[in-house]
Amino acid sequence: MRIDKFLKVSRIIKRRTVAKEICNAGRITLNGRPAKAGSEVKVGDILGVGYARRRMEVEVLDLSETVRATEAKLMYQVISDSSPDSDDF
């Protein structure tokens, strides 16, 4: 599955076009390397997502084409989540 589609389906990012823009801006990493929107995601991959004021790392657990909003969080597991208040940021 493409990384931009995974980000949208899992609801980490609300819109696929926004996910594409963020990928192409270099704010998404796949297993520690910068990822383009068309990069393929597999179960077990580690994604780093750079928001405006926050950095989140997740592990991919499931690759479903469509899921309900209540089940979207089951597609990934949060490894780390840093906000501007923490020292890691």
N, C-alpha and C. Protein backbone atom coordinates (compact mmCIF):
# COMPACT_ATOMS: atom_id res chain seq x y z
N MET A 1 0.85 -1.17 0.00
CA MET A 1 0.00 0.00 0.00
C MET A 1 0.90 1.24 0.00
N ARG A 2 0.51 2.24 -0.75
CA ARG A 2 1.26 3.50 -0.78
C ARG A 2 1.19 4.18 0.59
N ILE A 3 2.26 4.87 0.93
CA ILE A 3 2.34 5.51 2.24
C ILE A 3 1.28 6.61 2.41
N ASP A 4 1.00 7.37 1.34
CA ASP A 4 -0.01 8.43 1.46
C ASP A 4 -1.39 7.84 1.71
N LYS A 5 -1.69 6.71 1.09
CA LYS A 5 -2.99 6.07 1.31
C LYS A 5 -3.06 5.50 2.72
N PHE A 6 -1.98 4.90 3.21
CA PHE A 6 -1.97 4.36 4.57
C PHE A 6 -2.23 5.47 5.59
N LEU A 7 -1.56 6.61 5.42
CA LEU A 7 -1.73 7.72 6.35
C LEU A 7 -3.18 8.21 6.38
N LYS A 8 -3.84 8.20 5.22
CA LYS A 8 -5.24 8.64 5.14
C LYS A 8 -6.19 7.59 5.72
N VAL A 9 -6.03 6.32 5.32
CA VAL A 9 -6.92 5.26 5.78
C VAL A 9 -6.81 5.06 7.29
N SER A 10 -5.59 5.15 7.83
CA SER A 10 -5.39 4.98 9.27
C SER A 10 -5.78 6.23 10.06
N ARG A 11 -6.08 7.29 9.34
CA ARG A 11 -6.49 8.57 9.91
C ARG A 11 -5.40 9.25 10.74
N ILE A 12 -4.15 8.95 10.41
CA ILE A 12 -3.04 9.69 11.00
C ILE A 12 -3.05 11.10 10.41
N ILE A 13 -3.38 11.19 9.11
CA ILE A 13 -3.56 12.46 8.42
C ILE A 13 -4.93 12.41 7.75
N LYS A 14 -5.69 13.49 7.84
CA LYS A 14 -7.09 13.47 7.41
C LYS A 14 -7.31 13.32 5.91
N ARG A 15 -6.47 13.96 5.09
CA ARG A 15 -6.70 13.93 3.64
C ARG A 15 -5.48 13.38 2.92
N ARG A 16 -5.73 12.64 1.85
CA ARG A 16 -4.63 12.04 1.10
C ARG A 16 -3.78 13.09 0.40
N THR A 17 -4.41 14.17 -0.06
CA THR A 17 -3.63 15.23 -0.70
C THR A 17 -2.67 15.88 0.28
N VAL A 18 -3.11 16.04 1.52
CA VAL A 18 -2.24 16.60 2.56
C VAL A 18 -1.12 15.61 2.86
N ALA A 19 -1.44 14.32 2.90
CA ALA A 19 -0.42 13.29 3.13
C ALA A 19 0.63 13.32 2.02
N LYS A 20 0.20 13.51 0.77
CA LYS A 20 1.14 13.60 -0.36
C LYS A 20 2.05 14.80 -0.19
N GLU A 21 1.48 15.94 0.17
CA GLU A 21 2.28 17.16 0.33
C GLU A 21 3.32 17.01 1.45
N ILE A 22 2.90 16.42 2.55
CA ILE A 22 3.81 16.23 3.68
C ILE A 22 4.93 15.25 3.32
N CYS A 23 4.59 14.19 2.60
CA CYS A 23 5.61 13.23 2.14
C CYS A 23 6.62 13.91 1.23
N ASN A 24 6.12 14.65 0.26
CA ASN A 24 7.01 15.28 -0.70
C ASN A 24 7.83 16.42 -0.09
N ALA A 25 7.40 16.92 1.06
CA ALA A 25 8.16 17.96 1.77
C ALA A 25 9.25 17.35 2.66
N GLY A 26 9.29 16.01 2.72
CA GLY A 26 10.33 15.35 3.50
C GLY A 26 10.03 15.21 4.98
N ARG A 27 8.77 15.31 5.37
CA ARG A 27 8.41 15.24 6.78
C ARG A 27 7.94 13.86 7.21
N ILE A 28 7.97 12.89 6.29
CA ILE A 28 7.61 11.51 6.61
C ILE A 28 8.84 10.64 6.39
N THR A 29 9.13 9.77 7.36
CA THR A 29 10.23 8.82 7.18
C THR A 29 9.67 7.40 7.23
N LEU A 30 10.30 6.53 6.47
CA LEU A 30 9.93 5.12 6.43
C LEU A 30 11.18 4.33 6.81
N ASN A 31 11.14 3.70 7.98
CA ASN A 31 12.28 2.96 8.52
C ASN A 31 13.54 3.84 8.58
N GLY A 32 13.36 5.10 8.98
CA GLY A 32 14.48 6.00 9.18
C GLY A 32 14.95 6.76 7.95
N ARG A 33 14.34 6.52 6.80
CA ARG A 33 14.73 7.21 5.57
C ARG A 33 13.57 8.05 5.06
N PRO A 34 13.86 9.20 4.45
CA PRO A 34 12.78 10.03 3.90
C PRO A 34 11.96 9.25 2.88
N ALA A 35 10.64 9.43 2.92
CA ALA A 35 9.74 8.68 2.04
C ALA A 35 8.96 9.61 1.13
N LYS A 36 8.77 9.17 -0.10
CA LYS A 36 7.91 9.87 -1.05
C LYS A 36 6.50 9.30 -0.92
N ALA A 37 5.52 9.99 -1.49
CA ALA A 37 4.13 9.58 -1.37
C ALA A 37 3.87 8.19 -1.95
N GLY A 38 4.64 7.79 -2.95
CA GLY A 38 4.43 6.49 -3.59
C GLY A 38 5.19 5.34 -2.95
N SER A 39 5.92 5.60 -1.87
CA SER A 39 6.67 4.54 -1.21
C SER A 39 5.72 3.48 -0.68
N GLU A 40 6.11 2.22 -0.83
CA GLU A 40 5.28 1.11 -0.37
C GLU A 40 5.50 0.84 1.12
N VAL A 41 4.40 0.63 1.84
CA VAL A 41 4.43 0.34 3.27
C VAL A 41 4.09 -1.13 3.46
N LYS A 42 4.80 -1.79 4.38
CA LYS A 42 4.53 -3.18 4.72
C LYS A 42 4.29 -3.29 6.23
N VAL A 43 3.64 -4.35 6.64
CA VAL A 43 3.43 -4.60 8.06
C VAL A 43 4.79 -4.72 8.73
N GLY A 44 4.96 -4.03 9.85
CA GLY A 44 6.22 -4.04 10.59
C GLY A 44 7.08 -2.82 10.32
N ASP A 45 6.76 -2.04 9.29
CA ASP A 45 7.52 -0.83 9.00
C ASP A 45 7.32 0.22 10.09
N ILE A 46 8.32 1.07 10.28
CA ILE A 46 8.25 2.17 11.25
C ILE A 46 8.13 3.48 10.47
N LEU A 47 7.07 4.23 10.74
CA LEU A 47 6.85 5.52 10.09
C LEU A 47 7.10 6.65 11.08
N GLY A 48 7.81 7.66 10.64
CA GLY A 48 7.99 8.87 11.41
C GLY A 48 7.20 9.97 10.75
N VAL A 49 6.34 10.64 11.50
CA VAL A 49 5.47 11.67 10.96
C VAL A 49 5.78 12.98 11.65
N GLY A 50 6.20 13.98 10.87
CA GLY A 50 6.52 15.29 11.41
C GLY A 50 5.38 16.26 11.17
N TYR A 51 4.66 16.57 12.24
CA TYR A 51 3.61 17.58 12.17
C TYR A 51 4.26 18.95 12.37
N ALA A 52 3.48 19.99 12.39
CA ALA A 52 4.02 21.34 12.56
C ALA A 52 4.79 21.49 13.88
N ARG A 53 4.23 20.99 14.97
CA ARG A 53 4.88 21.16 16.28
C ARG A 53 4.98 19.85 17.04
N ARG A 54 5.01 18.74 16.31
CA ARG A 54 4.99 17.44 16.98
C ARG A 54 5.63 16.39 16.08
N ARG A 55 6.24 15.40 16.66
CA ARG A 55 6.84 14.29 15.91
C ARG A 55 6.29 12.99 16.49
N MET A 56 5.84 12.10 15.62
CA MET A 56 5.25 10.85 16.07
C MET A 56 5.87 9.69 15.29
N GLU A 57 6.15 8.59 15.97
CA GLU A 57 6.63 7.38 15.32
C GLU A 57 5.62 6.28 15.58
N VAL A 58 5.25 5.55 14.51
CA VAL A 58 4.29 4.47 14.63
C VAL A 58 4.81 3.23 13.91
N GLU A 59 4.36 2.07 14.37
CA GLU A 59 4.66 0.80 13.71
C GLU A 59 3.40 0.36 12.99
N VAL A 60 3.54 -0.04 11.74
CA VAL A 60 2.41 -0.50 10.93
C VAL A 60 2.03 -1.91 11.37
N LEU A 61 0.75 -2.10 11.74
CA LEU A 61 0.26 -3.39 12.19
C LEU A 61 -0.67 -4.05 11.18
N ASP A 62 -1.35 -3.26 10.35
CA ASP A 62 -2.34 -3.80 9.42
C ASP A 62 -2.41 -2.92 8.18
N LEU A 63 -2.70 -3.54 7.04
CA LEU A 63 -2.84 -2.80 5.77
C LEU A 63 -4.19 -3.10 5.15
N SER A 64 -5.23 -2.48 5.65
CA SER A 64 -6.58 -2.65 5.11
C SER A 64 -6.87 -1.49 4.16
N GLU A 65 -7.58 -1.79 3.07
CA GLU A 65 -7.92 -0.74 2.10
C GLU A 65 -8.93 0.25 2.67
N THR A 66 -9.87 -0.25 3.44
CA THR A 66 -10.87 0.61 4.08
C THR A 66 -11.15 0.09 5.48
N VAL A 67 -11.33 1.01 6.42
CA VAL A 67 -11.68 0.65 7.79
C VAL A 67 -12.63 1.70 8.35
N ARG A 68 -13.37 1.31 9.35
CA ARG A 68 -14.23 2.26 10.05
C ARG A 68 -13.35 3.15 10.93
N ALA A 69 -13.86 4.31 11.24
CA ALA A 69 -13.10 5.26 12.05
C ALA A 69 -12.73 4.67 13.41
N THR A 70 -13.62 3.86 13.98
CA THR A 70 -13.34 3.27 15.29
C THR A 70 -12.24 2.23 15.23
N GLU A 71 -12.01 1.64 14.04
CA GLU A 71 -11.00 0.59 13.89
C GLU A 71 -9.69 1.11 13.32
N ALA A 72 -9.62 2.38 12.94
CA ALA A 72 -8.43 2.94 12.29
C ALA A 72 -7.20 2.88 13.19
N LYS A 73 -7.37 3.07 14.48
CA LYS A 73 -6.22 3.05 15.39
C LYS A 73 -5.63 1.66 15.57
N LEU A 74 -6.34 0.63 15.10
CA LEU A 74 -5.82 -0.72 15.19
C LEU A 74 -4.83 -1.02 14.06
N MET A 75 -4.69 -0.10 13.12
CA MET A 75 -3.78 -0.29 12.00
C MET A 75 -2.33 0.03 12.36
N TYR A 76 -2.12 0.72 13.48
CA TYR A 76 -0.77 1.11 13.88
C TYR A 76 -0.65 1.16 15.39
N GLN A 77 0.59 1.13 15.85
CA GLN A 77 0.89 1.26 17.28
C GLN A 77 1.85 2.42 17.44
N VAL A 78 1.53 3.34 18.34
CA VAL A 78 2.39 4.50 18.58
C VAL A 78 3.62 4.07 19.37
N ILE A 79 4.78 4.36 18.82
CA ILE A 79 6.05 4.04 19.49
C ILE A 79 6.50 5.23 20.32
N SER A 80 6.46 6.42 19.71
CA SER A 80 6.82 7.63 20.45
C SER A 80 6.01 8.80 19.91
N ASP A 81 5.77 9.74 20.78
CA ASP A 81 5.00 10.93 20.41
C ASP A 81 5.58 12.10 21.20
N SER A 82 6.28 12.98 20.51
CA SER A 82 6.89 14.11 21.21
C SER A 82 6.17 15.40 20.86
N SER A 83 5.96 16.20 21.86
CA SER A 83 5.32 17.49 21.67
C SER A 83 6.31 18.58 22.04
N PRO A 84 6.00 19.85 21.75
CA PRO A 84 6.93 20.93 22.08
C PRO A 84 7.23 21.05 23.57
N ASP A 85 6.37 20.49 24.41
CA ASP A 85 6.59 20.59 25.86
C ASP A 85 7.69 19.65 26.34
N SER A 86 7.97 18.60 25.56
CA SER A 86 9.00 17.64 26.00
C SER A 86 10.38 18.11 25.58
N ASP A 87 11.40 17.53 26.18
CA ASP A 87 12.79 17.89 25.88
C ASP A 87 13.27 17.30 24.57
N ASP A 88 12.60 16.27 24.03
CA ASP A 88 13.03 15.59 22.82
C ASP A 88 12.84 16.46 21.58
N PHE A 89 11.94 17.40 21.64
CA PHE A 89 11.53 18.13 20.44
C PHE A 89 12.54 19.13 20.00
